[in-house]
Amino acid sequence: MRITVILLIMIILLNSITFYFYLKVKNMESIESKYSIFDVYMKARFYDKLILFMNNHPDIDQVELNGLIFKRDGNKIKVEEE
C-alpha cells in the first residue's frame, strides 16, 4: 500500500513537471490574452453543459448567451454569433 501511494505521488509530480515544461516550450506566458486558461476551460465546460441540456430538452429551441446564439436545427444544435 505504501509503495502504491509513493508511486502515485511520483506520477502526479512527474505529470505536473512535464505540463509546466510543455507550457514553457509553447510560450504560453508570452501570449497576450484577456482570459486565463482556467477561464477558457470553465466557459468551454459551461457551453458543453448547455448543449447537453438542450439535447435533453427538445422544447428549448434557442438560447442567447454572451453574444452567442445556440439554435436547434433538427437534431443538431448550431452556434452563431450575434
PDB file of N, CA and C in Angstrom:
ATOM      1  N   MET A   1       0.830  -1.197   0.000  1.00  0.00           N
ATOM      2  CA  MET A   1       0.000   0.000   0.000  1.00  0.00           C
ATOM      3  C   MET A   1       0.871   1.256   0.000  1.00  0.00           C
ATOM      4  N   ARG A   2       1.939   1.233   0.786  1.00  0.00           N
ATOM      5  CA  ARG A   2       2.835   2.372   0.885  1.00  0.00           C
ATOM      6  C   ARG A   2       3.541   2.609  -0.456  1.00  0.00           C
ATOM      7  N   ILE A   3       3.914   1.527  -1.119  1.00  0.00           N
ATOM      8  CA  ILE A   3       4.578   1.651  -2.427  1.00  0.00           C
ATOM      9  C   ILE A   3       3.626   2.275  -3.443  1.00  0.00           C
ATOM     10  N   THR A   4       2.365   1.905  -3.415  1.00  0.00           N
ATOM     11  CA  THR A   4       1.384   2.471  -4.341  1.00  0.00           C
ATOM     12  C   THR A   4       1.210   3.960  -4.137  1.00  0.00           C
ATOM     13  N   VAL A   5       1.160   4.376  -2.884  1.00  0.00           N
ATOM     14  CA  VAL A   5       0.999   5.799  -2.587  1.00  0.00           C
ATOM     15  C   VAL A   5       2.230   6.571  -3.066  1.00  0.00           C
ATOM     16  N   ILE A   6       3.409   6.030  -2.831  1.00  0.00           N
ATOM     17  CA  ILE A   6       4.636   6.694  -3.279  1.00  0.00           C
ATOM     18  C   ILE A   6       4.674   6.780  -4.794  1.00  0.00           C
ATOM     19  N   LEU A   7       4.312   5.698  -5.481  1.00  0.00           N
ATOM     20  CA  LEU A   7       4.284   5.708  -6.954  1.00  0.00           C
ATOM     21  C   LEU A   7       3.254   6.704  -7.482  1.00  0.00           C
ATOM     22  N   LEU A   8       2.109   6.781  -6.841  1.00  0.00           N
ATOM     23  CA  LEU A   8       1.075   7.728  -7.255  1.00  0.00           C
ATOM     24  C   LEU A   8       1.551   9.159  -7.093  1.00  0.00           C
ATOM     25  N   ILE A   9       2.205   9.460  -5.989  1.00  0.00           N
ATOM     26  CA  ILE A   9       2.740  10.812  -5.767  1.00  0.00           C
ATOM     27  C   ILE A   9       3.805  11.128  -6.811  1.00  0.00           C
ATOM     28  N   MET A  10       4.663  10.157  -7.121  1.00  0.00           N
ATOM     29  CA  MET A  10       5.697  10.383  -8.141  1.00  0.00           C
ATOM     30  C   MET A  10       5.086  10.638  -9.515  1.00  0.00           C
ATOM     31  N   ILE A  11       4.039   9.912  -9.857  1.00  0.00           N
ATOM     32  CA  ILE A  11       3.376  10.103 -11.153  1.00  0.00           C
ATOM     33  C   ILE A  11       2.735  11.482 -11.224  1.00  0.00           C
ATOM     34  N   ILE A  12       2.081  11.904 -10.150  1.00  0.00           N
ATOM     35  CA  ILE A  12       1.448  13.227 -10.127  1.00  0.00           C
ATOM     36  C   ILE A  12       2.502  14.322 -10.263  1.00  0.00           C
ATOM     37  N   LEU A  13       3.606  14.193  -9.538  1.00  0.00           N
ATOM     38  CA  LEU A  13       4.677  15.183  -9.644  1.00  0.00           C
ATOM     39  C   LEU A  13       5.287  15.201 -11.038  1.00  0.00           C
ATOM     40  N   LEU A  14       5.503  14.053 -11.617  1.00  0.00           N
ATOM     41  CA  LEU A  14       6.076  13.973 -12.960  1.00  0.00           C
ATOM     42  C   LEU A  14       5.144  14.595 -13.991  1.00  0.00           C
ATOM     43  N   ASN A  15       3.841  14.344 -13.868  1.00  0.00           N
ATOM     44  CA  ASN A  15       2.878  14.956 -14.788  1.00  0.00           C
ATOM     45  C   ASN A  15       2.851  16.468 -14.629  1.00  0.00           C
ATOM     46  N   SER A  16       2.939  16.961 -13.407  1.00  0.00           N
ATOM     47  CA  SER A  16       2.946  18.405 -13.169  1.00  0.00           C
ATOM     48  C   SER A  16       4.178  19.053 -13.778  1.00  0.00           C
ATOM     49  N   ILE A  17       5.319  18.412 -13.595  1.00  0.00           N
ATOM     50  CA  ILE A  17       6.562  18.971 -14.135  1.00  0.00           C
ATOM     51  C   ILE A  17       6.541  18.975 -15.654  1.00  0.00           C
ATOM     52  N   THR A  18       6.090  17.886 -16.271  1.00  0.00           N
ATOM     53  CA  THR A  18       6.059  17.838 -17.741  1.00  0.00           C
ATOM     54  C   THR A  18       5.055  18.842 -18.299  1.00  0.00           C
ATOM     55  N   PHE A  19       3.929  19.027 -17.625  1.00  0.00           N
ATOM     56  CA  PHE A  19       2.965  20.015 -18.098  1.00  0.00           C
ATOM     57  C   PHE A  19       3.543  21.426 -18.007  1.00  0.00           C
ATOM     58  N   TYR A  20       4.269  21.712 -16.934  1.00  0.00           N
ATOM     59  CA  TYR A  20       4.910  23.016 -16.775  1.00  0.00           C
ATOM     60  C   TYR A  20       5.903  23.266 -17.908  1.00  0.00           C
ATOM     61  N   PHE A  21       6.738  22.279 -18.214  1.00  0.00           N
ATOM     62  CA  PHE A  21       7.707  22.454 -19.291  1.00  0.00           C
ATOM     63  C   PHE A  21       7.034  22.517 -20.656  1.00  0.00           C
ATOM     64  N   TYR A  22       5.921  21.812 -20.818  1.00  0.00           N
ATOM     65  CA  TYR A  22       5.166  21.903 -22.067  1.00  0.00           C
ATOM     66  C   TYR A  22       4.673  23.333 -22.274  1.00  0.00           C
ATOM     67  N   LEU A  23       4.144  23.950 -21.222  1.00  0.00           N
ATOM     68  CA  LEU A  23       3.692  25.337 -21.338  1.00  0.00           C
ATOM     69  C   LEU A  23       4.858  26.274 -21.607  1.00  0.00           C
ATOM     70  N   LYS A  24       5.999  26.018 -21.019  1.00  0.00           N
ATOM     71  CA  LYS A  24       7.175  26.847 -21.274  1.00  0.00           C
ATOM     72  C   LYS A  24       7.597  26.738 -22.730  1.00  0.00           C
ATOM     73  N   VAL A  25       7.591  25.526 -23.281  1.00  0.00           N
ATOM     74  CA  VAL A  25       8.009  25.317 -24.662  1.00  0.00           C
ATOM     75  C   VAL A  25       7.048  26.009 -25.620  1.00  0.00           C
ATOM     76  N   LYS A  26       5.778  25.966 -25.322  1.00  0.00           N
ATOM     77  CA  LYS A  26       4.775  26.582 -26.188  1.00  0.00           C
ATOM     78  C   LYS A  26       4.655  28.088 -25.978  1.00  0.00           C
ATOM     79  N   ASN A  27       5.440  28.640 -25.047  1.00  0.00           N
ATOM     80  CA  ASN A  27       5.454  30.085 -24.766  1.00  0.00           C
ATOM     81  C   ASN A  27       4.074  30.623 -24.399  1.00  0.00           C
ATOM     82  N   MET A  28       3.396  29.911 -23.514  1.00  0.00           N
ATOM     83  CA  MET A  28       2.058  30.340 -23.114  1.00  0.00           C
ATOM     84  C   MET A  28       2.095  31.657 -22.336  1.00  0.00           C
ATOM     85  N   GLU A  29       3.220  31.942 -21.667  1.00  0.00           N
ATOM     86  CA  GLU A  29       3.311  33.177 -20.910  1.00  0.00           C
ATOM     87  C   GLU A  29       3.412  34.400 -21.820  1.00  0.00           C
ATOM     88  N   SER A  30       3.936  34.209 -23.036  1.00  0.00           N
ATOM     89  CA  SER A  30       4.120  35.352 -23.922  1.00  0.00           C
ATOM     90  C   SER A  30       2.853  35.716 -24.699  1.00  0.00           C
ATOM     91  N   ILE A  31       1.857  34.864 -24.660  1.00  0.00           N
ATOM     92  CA  ILE A  31       0.618  35.136 -25.393  1.00  0.00           C
ATOM     93  C   ILE A  31      -0.233  36.109 -24.587  1.00  0.00           C
ATOM     94  N   GLU A  32      -0.587  37.228 -25.195  1.00  0.00           N
ATOM     95  CA  GLU A  32      -1.442  38.216 -24.529  1.00  0.00           C
ATOM     96  C   GLU A  32      -2.893  37.783 -24.699  1.00  0.00           C
ATOM     97  N   SER A  33      -3.599  37.659 -23.606  1.00  0.00           N
ATOM     98  CA  SER A  33      -4.997  37.262 -23.653  1.00  0.00           C
ATOM     99  C   SER A  33      -5.722  37.907 -22.490  1.00  0.00           C
ATOM    100  N   LYS A  34      -6.989  38.214 -22.710  1.00  0.00           N
ATOM    101  CA  LYS A  34      -7.745  38.791 -21.608  1.00  0.00           C
ATOM    102  C   LYS A  34      -8.365  37.705 -20.732  1.00  0.00           C
ATOM    103  N   TYR A  35      -8.244  36.433 -21.145  1.00  0.00           N
ATOM    104  CA  TYR A  35      -8.753  35.318 -20.357  1.00  0.00           C
ATOM    105  C   TYR A  35      -7.598  34.413 -19.958  1.00  0.00           C
ATOM    106  N   SER A  36      -7.688  33.847 -18.781  1.00  0.00           N
ATOM    107  CA  SER A  36      -6.704  32.846 -18.376  1.00  0.00           C
ATOM    108  C   SER A  36      -7.134  31.490 -18.932  1.00  0.00           C
ATOM    109  N   ILE A  37      -6.236  30.528 -18.852  1.00  0.00           N
ATOM    110  CA  ILE A  37      -6.553  29.184 -19.341  1.00  0.00           C
ATOM    111  C   ILE A  37      -7.725  28.611 -18.556  1.00  0.00           C
ATOM    112  N   PHE A  38      -7.771  28.880 -17.261  1.00  0.00           N
ATOM    113  CA  PHE A  38      -8.848  28.362 -16.415  1.00  0.00           C
ATOM    114  C   PHE A  38     -10.200  28.938 -16.850  1.00  0.00           C
ATOM    115  N   ASP A  39     -10.245  30.259 -17.165  1.00  0.00           N
ATOM    116  CA  ASP A  39     -11.499  30.873 -17.612  1.00  0.00           C
ATOM    117  C   ASP A  39     -11.994  30.242 -18.900  1.00  0.00           C
ATOM    118  N   VAL A  40     -11.097  30.032 -19.841  1.00  0.00           N
ATOM    119  CA  VAL A  40     -11.481  29.422 -21.114  1.00  0.00           C
ATOM    120  C   VAL A  40     -11.975  28.002 -20.888  1.00  0.00           C
ATOM    121  N   TYR A  41     -11.307  27.257 -20.040  1.00  0.00           N
ATOM    122  CA  TYR A  41     -11.715  25.890 -19.727  1.00  0.00           C
ATOM    123  C   TYR A  41     -13.108  25.860 -19.108  1.00  0.00           C
ATOM    124  N   MET A  42     -13.367  26.757 -18.152  1.00  0.00           N
ATOM    125  CA  MET A  42     -14.666  26.775 -17.491  1.00  0.00           C
ATOM    126  C   MET A  42     -15.781  27.195 -18.450  1.00  0.00           C
ATOM    127  N   LYS A  43     -15.498  28.172 -19.344  1.00  0.00           N
ATOM    128  CA  LYS A  43     -16.513  28.566 -20.325  1.00  0.00           C
ATOM    129  C   LYS A  43     -16.814  27.429 -21.283  1.00  0.00           C
ATOM    130  N   ALA A  44     -15.783  26.724 -21.736  1.00  0.00           N
ATOM    131  CA  ALA A  44     -15.996  25.605 -22.648  1.00  0.00           C
ATOM    132  C   ALA A  44     -16.820  24.516 -21.974  1.00  0.00           C
ATOM    133  N   ARG A  45     -16.533  24.240 -20.706  1.00  0.00           N
ATOM    134  CA  ARG A  45     -17.330  23.236 -19.980  1.00  0.00           C
ATOM    135  C   ARG A  45     -18.775  23.687 -19.831  1.00  0.00           C
ATOM    136  N   PHE A  46     -18.992  25.003 -19.558  1.00  0.00           N
ATOM    137  CA  PHE A  46     -20.345  25.511 -19.399  1.00  0.00           C
ATOM    138  C   PHE A  46     -21.113  25.391 -20.707  1.00  0.00           C
ATOM    139  N   TYR A  47     -20.465  25.748 -21.838  1.00  0.00           N
ATOM    140  CA  TYR A  47     -21.138  25.646 -23.136  1.00  0.00           C
ATOM    141  C   TYR A  47     -21.447  24.194 -23.473  1.00  0.00           C
ATOM    142  N   ASP A  48     -20.549  23.271 -23.121  1.00  0.00           N
ATOM    143  CA  ASP A  48     -20.828  21.845 -23.336  1.00  0.00           C
ATOM    144  C   ASP A  48     -22.044  21.407 -22.524  1.00  0.00           C
ATOM    145  N   LYS A  49     -22.114  21.862 -21.277  1.00  0.00           N
ATOM    146  CA  LYS A  49     -23.266  21.506 -20.435  1.00  0.00           C
ATOM    147  C   LYS A  49     -24.557  22.104 -20.992  1.00  0.00           C
ATOM    148  N   LEU A  50     -24.474  23.322 -21.543  1.00  0.00           N
ATOM    149  CA  LEU A  50     -25.648  23.948 -22.139  1.00  0.00           C
ATOM    150  C   LEU A  50     -26.135  23.153 -23.348  1.00  0.00           C
ATOM    151  N   ILE A  51     -25.216  22.709 -24.185  1.00  0.00           N
ATOM    152  CA  ILE A  51     -25.582  21.912 -25.359  1.00  0.00           C
ATOM    153  C   ILE A  51     -26.188  20.582 -24.931  1.00  0.00           C
ATOM    154  N   LEU A  52     -25.621  19.941 -23.919  1.00  0.00           N
ATOM    155  CA  LEU A  52     -26.205  18.695 -23.414  1.00  0.00           C
ATOM    156  C   LEU A  52     -27.600  18.933 -22.845  1.00  0.00           C
ATOM    157  N   PHE A  53     -27.784  20.047 -22.144  1.00  0.00           N
ATOM    158  CA  PHE A  53     -29.094  20.380 -21.599  1.00  0.00           C
ATOM    159  C   PHE A  53     -30.101  20.577 -22.726  1.00  0.00           C
ATOM    160  N   MET A  54     -29.688  21.278 -23.789  1.00  0.00           N
ATOM    161  CA  MET A  54     -30.594  21.488 -24.918  1.00  0.00           C
ATOM    162  C   MET A  54     -30.903  20.173 -25.629  1.00  0.00           C
ATOM    163  N   ASN A  55     -29.934  19.258 -25.680  1.00  0.00           N
ATOM    164  CA  ASN A  55     -30.192  17.949 -26.296  1.00  0.00           C
ATOM    165  C   ASN A  55     -31.212  17.156 -25.496  1.00  0.00           C
ATOM    166  N   ASN A  56     -31.164  17.284 -24.177  1.00  0.00           N
ATOM    167  CA  ASN A  56     -32.083  16.527 -23.317  1.00  0.00           C
ATOM    168  C   ASN A  56     -33.457  17.171 -23.208  1.00  0.00           C
ATOM    169  N   HIS A  57     -33.594  18.442 -23.606  1.00  0.00           N
ATOM    170  CA  HIS A  57     -34.869  19.146 -23.536  1.00  0.00           C
ATOM    171  C   HIS A  57     -35.218  19.690 -24.921  1.00  0.00           C
ATOM    172  N   PRO A  58     -35.909  18.903 -25.726  1.00  0.00           N
ATOM    173  CA  PRO A  58     -36.210  19.318 -27.107  1.00  0.00           C
ATOM    174  C   PRO A  58     -37.173  20.500 -27.203  1.00  0.00           C
ATOM    175  N   ASP A  59     -37.810  20.888 -26.104  1.00  0.00           N
ATOM    176  CA  ASP A  59     -38.725  22.024 -26.149  1.00  0.00           C
ATOM    177  C   ASP A  59     -37.980  23.359 -26.172  1.00  0.00           C
ATOM    178  N   ILE A  60     -36.684  23.373 -25.890  1.00  0.00           N
ATOM    179  CA  ILE A  60     -35.891  24.605 -25.949  1.00  0.00           C
ATOM    180  C   ILE A  60     -35.327  24.737 -27.358  1.00  0.00           C
ATOM    181  N   ASP A  61     -35.738  25.814 -28.065  1.00  0.00           N
ATOM    182  CA  ASP A  61     -35.316  25.996 -29.448  1.00  0.00           C
ATOM    183  C   ASP A  61     -34.114  26.911 -29.601  1.00  0.00           C
ATOM    184  N   GLN A  62     -33.983  27.919 -28.729  1.00  0.00           N
ATOM    185  CA  GLN A  62     -32.929  28.902 -28.905  1.00  0.00           C
ATOM    186  C   GLN A  62     -32.526  29.486 -27.549  1.00  0.00           C
ATOM    187  N   VAL A  63     -31.204  29.663 -27.378  1.00  0.00           N
ATOM    188  CA  VAL A  63     -30.672  30.289 -26.167  1.00  0.00           C
ATOM    189  C   VAL A  63     -29.650  31.332 -26.598  1.00  0.00           C
ATOM    190  N   GLU A  64     -29.794  32.554 -26.085  1.00  0.00           N
ATOM    191  CA  GLU A  64     -28.830  33.614 -26.367  1.00  0.00           C
ATOM    192  C   GLU A  64     -28.002  33.834 -25.107  1.00  0.00           C
ATOM    193  N   LEU A  65     -26.672  33.801 -25.259  1.00  0.00           N
ATOM    194  CA  LEU A  65     -25.795  33.886 -24.098  1.00  0.00           C
ATOM    195  C   LEU A  65     -24.432  34.428 -24.514  1.00  0.00           C
ATOM    196  N   ASN A  66     -23.988  35.502 -23.877  1.00  0.00           N
ATOM    197  CA  ASN A  66     -22.655  36.077 -24.091  1.00  0.00           C
ATOM    198  C   ASN A  66     -22.347  36.348 -25.568  1.00  0.00           C
ATOM    199  N   GLY A  67     -23.303  36.855 -26.308  1.00  0.00           N
ATOM    200  CA  GLY A  67     -23.077  37.174 -27.716  1.00  0.00           C
ATOM    201  C   GLY A  67     -23.161  35.969 -28.632  1.00  0.00           C
ATOM    202  N   LEU A  68     -23.524  34.817 -28.104  1.00  0.00           N
ATOM    203  CA  LEU A  68     -23.668  33.600 -28.911  1.00  0.00           C
ATOM    204  C   LEU A  68     -25.123  33.169 -28.910  1.00  0.00           C
ATOM    205  N   ILE A  69     -25.564  32.628 -30.028  1.00  0.00           N
ATOM    206  CA  ILE A  69     -26.931  32.118 -30.150  1.00  0.00           C
ATOM    207  C   ILE A  69     -26.845  30.618 -30.400  1.00  0.00           C
ATOM    208  N   PHE A  70     -27.403  29.836 -29.494  1.00  0.00           N
ATOM    209  CA  PHE A  70     -27.470  28.381 -29.641  1.00  0.00           C
ATOM    210  C   PHE A  70     -28.847  28.060 -30.220  1.00  0.00           C
ATOM    211  N   LYS A  71     -28.893  27.613 -31.489  1.00  0.00           N
ATOM    212  CA  LYS A  71     -30.162  27.322 -32.160  1.00  0.00           C
ATOM    213  C   LYS A  71     -30.282  25.835 -32.449  1.00  0.00           C
ATOM    214  N   ARG A  72     -31.501  25.354 -32.336  1.00  0.00           N
ATOM    215  CA  ARG A  72     -31.779  23.965 -32.672  1.00  0.00           C
ATOM    216  C   ARG A  72     -32.127  23.891 -34.160  1.00  0.00           C
ATOM    217  N   ASP A  73     -31.450  22.980 -34.867  1.00  0.00           N
ATOM    218  CA  ASP A  73     -31.705  22.748 -36.288  1.00  0.00           C
ATOM    219  C   ASP A  73     -31.921  21.255 -36.470  1.00  0.00           C
ATOM    220  N   GLY A  74     -33.165  20.828 -36.329  1.00  0.00           N
ATOM    221  CA  GLY A  74     -33.463  19.397 -36.363  1.00  0.00           C
ATOM    222  C   GLY A  74     -32.931  18.744 -35.100  1.00  0.00           C
ATOM    223  N   ASN A  75     -32.047  17.771 -35.275  1.00  0.00           N
ATOM    224  CA  ASN A  75     -31.434  17.115 -34.125  1.00  0.00           C
ATOM    225  C   ASN A  75     -30.090  17.730 -33.749  1.00  0.00           C
ATOM    226  N   LYS A  76     -29.649  18.726 -34.508  1.00  0.00           N
ATOM    227  CA  LYS A  76     -28.356  19.356 -34.257  1.00  0.00           C
ATOM    228  C   LYS A  76     -28.554  20.713 -33.584  1.00  0.00           C
ATOM    229  N   ILE A  77     -27.519  21.145 -32.886  1.00  0.00           N
ATOM    230  CA  ILE A  77     -27.536  22.480 -32.266  1.00  0.00           C
ATOM    231  C   ILE A  77     -26.413  23.276 -32.894  1.00  0.00           C
ATOM    232  N   LYS A  78     -26.756  24.407 -33.499  1.00  0.00           N
ATOM    233  CA  LYS A  78     -25.779  25.269 -34.145  1.00  0.00           C
ATOM    234  C   LYS A  78     -25.512  26.476 -33.268  1.00  0.00           C
ATOM    235  N   VAL A  79     -24.271  26.949 -33.305  1.00  0.00           N
ATOM    236  CA  VAL A  79     -23.872  28.113 -32.535  1.00  0.00           C
ATOM    237  C   VAL A  79     -23.503  29.223 -33.510  1.00  0.00           C
ATOM    238  N   GLU A  80     -24.134  30.381 -33.333  1.00  0.00           N
ATOM    239  CA  GLU A  80     -23.872  31.531 -34.202  1.00  0.00           C
ATOM    240  C   GLU A  80     -23.541  32.731 -33.330  1.00  0.00           C
ATOM    241  N   GLU A  81     -22.826  33.686 -33.908  1.00  0.00           N
ATOM    242  CA  GLU A  81     -22.547  34.922 -33.203  1.00  0.00           C
ATOM    243  C   GLU A  81     -23.643  35.936 -33.508  1.00  0.00           C
ATOM    244  N   GLU A  82     -23.906  36.825 -32.550  1.00  0.00           N
ATOM    245  CA  GLU A  82     -24.914  37.865 -32.761  1.00  0.00           C
ATOM    246  C   GLU A  82     -24.402  38.892 -33.750  1.00  0.00           C
TER     247      GLU A  82
END
